[in-house]
Amino acid sequence: MHDLLGINYHYQLADANGTSAIIEYVDNKMVVIRQDENKKNLILTNYFLTEGGDNHDGRGYDRYERIETTLNDKNGVITEDDAMDLLSQVALNYQHKTLKHMVIALWSAVYNCNEKSMLLCAGMDYTKKYKFYVDKPGEVIKL
């Protein structure tokens, strides 16, 4: 599974209890990375965790490392607003080396497993936040 630039997709899934897993596709094989007792938070950026993944020149690892450091400093617990602020600090925003377009974070999302909601900012505009709830389909709350 690849995007238009030929980059592999990978996903992070979480349940209502906050247990999460990362799914990466490497060499056309699905790899599932699950939380273990030693690691409370799984972190997903454009950096692949699976050896042999789409890690062009380690791109994305700096973002991964900054998130990991921040979470470790806060014992793995931050507010939704702090999480969105952190995402704004590590958002992709650079000129592609060979193509004539900017690479940006199309959206940033913070999921609240307790209230089953998602806080969303789109198009690198972190001044506009939208909240969606699983139990209120179709309703959007602008914050």
Protein backbone atom coordinates (compact mmCIF):
# COMPACT_ATOMS: atom_id res chain seq x y z
CA MET A 1 0.00 0.00 0.00
CA HIS A 2 1.56 3.27 -1.17
CA ASP A 3 0.50 6.88 -1.58
CA LEU A 4 0.94 8.89 -4.78
CA LEU A 5 4.61 9.55 -3.97
CA GLY A 6 5.30 5.83 -3.54
CA ILE A 7 5.58 6.04 0.25
CA ASN A 8 4.26 3.12 2.28
CA TYR A 9 1.27 3.68 4.53
CA HIS A 10 1.22 2.75 8.16
CA TYR A 11 -1.54 3.07 10.73
CA GLN A 12 -2.05 3.36 14.46
CA LEU A 13 -5.20 1.93 15.97
CA ALA A 14 -6.48 2.27 19.53
CA ASP A 15 -9.44 0.86 21.43
CA ALA A 16 -11.62 2.56 24.04
CA ASN A 17 -9.23 1.43 26.78
CA GLY A 18 -6.27 3.16 25.14
CA THR A 19 -4.57 -0.04 24.05
CA SER A 20 -3.00 0.59 20.68
CA ALA A 21 -1.16 -1.13 17.89
CA ILE A 22 0.71 0.05 14.82
CA ILE A 23 0.28 -1.66 11.46
CA GLU A 24 3.00 -1.21 8.88
CA TYR A 25 3.39 -2.70 5.42
CA VAL A 26 6.97 -3.63 4.60
CA ASP A 27 7.89 -5.58 1.47
CA ASN A 28 4.17 -6.22 0.87
CA LYS A 29 3.81 -7.89 4.27
CA MET A 30 1.73 -6.59 7.14
CA VAL A 31 3.61 -6.11 10.42
CA VAL A 32 1.69 -5.49 13.66
CA ILE A 33 3.47 -3.77 16.56
CA ARG A 34 1.58 -4.07 19.83
CA GLN A 35 2.00 -2.26 23.10
CA ASP A 36 3.91 -4.17 25.71
CA GLU A 37 4.26 -3.74 29.45
CA ASN A 38 7.47 -1.72 29.07
CA LYS A 39 6.03 0.84 26.67
CA LYS A 40 2.86 2.70 27.59
CA ASN A 41 2.70 4.87 24.48
CA LEU A 42 3.16 3.83 20.89
CA ILE A 43 4.20 6.73 18.69
CA LEU A 44 3.66 6.97 14.96
CA THR A 45 5.17 9.58 12.65
CA ASN A 46 6.36 9.12 9.08
CA TYR A 47 9.23 7.10 10.50
CA PHE A 48 8.67 3.35 10.21
CA LEU A 49 9.32 1.27 13.31
CA THR A 50 9.78 -1.96 11.34
CA GLU A 51 13.27 -2.61 10.03
CA GLY A 52 13.27 -2.30 6.26
CA GLY A 53 10.36 0.17 6.29
CA ASP A 54 10.14 3.29 4.18
CA ASN A 55 12.70 5.31 6.15
CA HIS A 56 14.30 7.51 3.54
CA ASP A 57 17.42 8.92 5.18
CA GLY A 58 15.82 8.54 8.62
CA ARG A 59 13.23 11.19 7.75
CA GLY A 60 10.65 11.46 10.49
CA TYR A 61 12.83 10.10 13.26
CA ASP A 62 13.45 13.59 14.65
CA ARG A 63 9.68 14.05 14.94
CA TYR A 64 9.32 10.65 16.59
CA GLU A 65 12.10 11.44 19.05
CA ARG A 66 10.63 14.82 20.02
CA ILE A 67 7.22 13.28 20.74
CA GLU A 68 8.81 10.44 22.71
CA THR A 69 10.92 12.84 24.79
CA THR A 70 7.93 15.07 25.55
CA LEU A 71 5.77 12.12 26.58
CA ASN A 72 8.54 10.68 28.75
CA ASP A 73 9.01 14.06 30.45
CA LYS A 74 5.28 14.11 31.24
CA ASN A 75 5.08 10.43 32.34
CA GLY A 76 3.10 9.66 29.19
CA VAL A 77 0.15 11.91 30.08
CA ILE A 78 -0.66 15.23 28.38
CA THR A 79 -3.87 17.13 27.71
CA GLU A 80 -5.57 17.15 24.32
CA ASP A 81 -4.49 20.77 23.77
CA ASP A 82 -0.89 19.93 24.72
CA ALA A 83 -0.99 16.96 22.35
CA MET A 84 -2.23 19.16 19.50
CA ASP A 85 0.42 21.75 20.32
CA LEU A 86 3.06 19.02 20.17
CA LEU A 87 1.71 17.86 16.81
CA SER A 88 1.94 21.45 15.53
CA GLN A 89 5.60 21.56 16.60
CA VAL A 90 6.49 18.38 14.68
CA ALA A 91 4.21 18.87 11.66
CA LEU A 92 5.66 18.20 8.22
CA ASN A 93 6.39 21.41 6.35
CA TYR A 94 9.13 21.34 3.71
CA GLN A 95 9.78 21.69 0.00
CA HIS A 96 10.02 18.29 -1.70
CA LYS A 97 13.50 17.68 -3.10
CA THR A 98 12.49 16.59 -6.60
CA LEU A 99 8.83 17.54 -7.01
CA LYS A 100 7.49 21.09 -7.21
CA HIS A 101 5.27 20.99 -4.16
CA MET A 102 5.38 21.48 -0.44
CA VAL A 103 5.01 18.51 1.86
CA ILE A 104 2.79 19.48 4.78
CA ALA A 105 0.75 17.84 7.50
CA LEU A 106 -2.67 17.61 5.85
CA TRP A 107 -4.29 17.06 9.20
CA SER A 108 -3.37 16.48 12.83
CA ALA A 109 -5.67 14.46 15.07
CA VAL A 110 -5.75 13.76 18.80
CA TYR A 111 -7.94 10.87 19.90
CA ASN A 112 -9.55 10.76 23.33
CA CYS A 113 -10.32 7.13 24.09
CA ASN A 114 -12.20 7.99 27.30
CA GLU A 115 -14.79 10.23 25.67
CA LYS A 116 -14.51 8.57 22.25
CA SER A 117 -13.71 11.78 20.45
CA MET A 118 -11.24 13.26 18.00
CA LEU A 119 -9.75 16.75 18.02
CA LEU A 120 -8.77 17.75 14.49
CA CYS A 121 -6.82 20.55 12.83
CA ALA A 122 -6.49 20.63 9.04
CA GLY A 123 -4.12 22.21 6.54
CA MET A 124 -1.54 23.32 9.14
CA ASP A 125 -4.07 25.74 10.69
CA TYR A 126 -3.75 25.03 14.40
CA THR A 127 -5.87 28.05 15.29
CA LYS A 128 -9.02 26.23 14.13
CA LYS A 129 -9.85 23.08 16.08
CA TYR A 130 -12.78 20.78 15.41
CA LYS A 131 -14.10 18.06 17.69
CA PHE A 132 -15.96 14.95 16.61
CA TYR A 133 -17.65 12.36 18.87
CA VAL A 134 -18.34 8.73 18.00
CA ASP A 135 -21.76 8.89 19.69
CA LYS A 136 -22.71 12.11 17.80
CA PRO A 137 -22.24 11.17 14.14
CA GLY A 138 -22.37 14.08 11.74
CA GLU A 139 -21.99 16.68 14.50
CA VAL A 140 -18.91 18.88 14.38
CA ILE A 141 -18.00 21.20 17.22
CA LYS A 142 -15.74 24.10 16.30
CA LEU A 143 -13.56 25.13 19.22
